[in-house]
């Protein structure tokens, strides 16, 4: 998932939102015990000097490269105070589509997007080996074995998350990657000396690197060396900023750090489903978790046709999904409902409206709802039904659906816990990721169920 940057065209800084980022397991890591500073030649002695020489300026004097329990990371090399500039990376040393050799770029059609172009660029530079001007950076990108985004999961592993909307989103992503691959393959076949034997597996790996590490700037999708070593903490307010006038990206500290502390930023307000699809990790007790719920008007319902007509004509506007998953007209995104919520914030009005339409048992009720919508703000069934029995029936319908989903998730999580993973360590890790994902969704469902029970009891 690529997010669109908000980029300043003058000296003011604007937030540059991260698209898609992990080393191995990018998650909140606040314990110094989980972080070990690394000062080997491979990580520090050649990479930062190379990047500084290429940029023509110092990238950072405050950070050093290290390894946390979750992969490569950045730590404070000295005392850092809130407001300090942690790093500054010029656009000139960011990998973007316009870095592709002109002879290759001109053959790429409109169906090949920026992500695919940067993926192809990575493969091109990778094949150049040490001759590549980007070799010190390319050589430090995660290996395929360290990539855990769900697009890399086997069919058997994906079965672990079938209950989640992530399952379908992963299949869509795989099809999209395959579509881009065949478009790129036509170009690579015309440059056998420059792009040798690119396979779907190679392209998927490179595509995953881009979707997990790149940002968006005026140059399109950009890989920002060094900045992409920063790990994620969803509670922070520090992120990448970009400026058109100065032509560089920068990160400002939002708190103090002592030498050796891992320095983290926030990628975005993402659910575990999005984090797992695009970054390959999950966060425990993720406050941004959500669940997709689908409802359908039963075909045997006596008012089936009339209800579909009303829903098609006067549908309640949707709240935009921050995680940008693709949902159908009969699907709804539920977020966690606070225990003290009186209004059920987290359960969308569009879902409750859909349930109210489903609960109607006469054509006159449907007509009255449509008329009420037309005379007010146009939103169908936004207000509680005047008939309390119908209002109760609508929310009991939702409660029944929540109960079913809770039961399914609970049973599936228990089955994962009782099923030993294969001998491969990778499968064990992905089983844990699946469990974290479904456990977060279960928590959201239980919160919605508790609120619905309370609401029904008050009617």
Foldseek 3Di string as FASTA:
>chain_A
DADQQDAAADPDWGFFFGFFAAQQAFEDDFDLVQWDADDDCLFFVPQQVLQCVQQVHHFAPQWGWTAGNRGIFIFGQAKDFFFDWGGKHFLSPWQWLVVPDPVLSVLQDPLADGLLSSLVVLLLQVVCAPVRSCNSQSVPGHDPLRAQAPLSDDPVLLVLQVLAPLSVVSVVVNVSLVVNVVSSVVSCVVVCVRRPDDDSVSSVVSSLNQSHAWTQDPRGTIHTPPVSNAGAYQVDDWHWIHYNVVRMITIGHRGIHHGSGTDHDHNDLDALSLCRNRHNYHYFPRQSHKGKDFDAQDPPQPCRPVLVVLCVVQQADADDDPSPDDDDSRMHIFGAADPPDPVRPRGDLRLLLSLLSSLDNDPVQSVVQCVVLVVPVSHGSSDQDPPLVSSLNSLVVVLVRLVVSLVVLVVSLVVLVVDDFPPDPSRVVSSVSSSSNSVSHSNRSVNSNVNSVVVSVVD
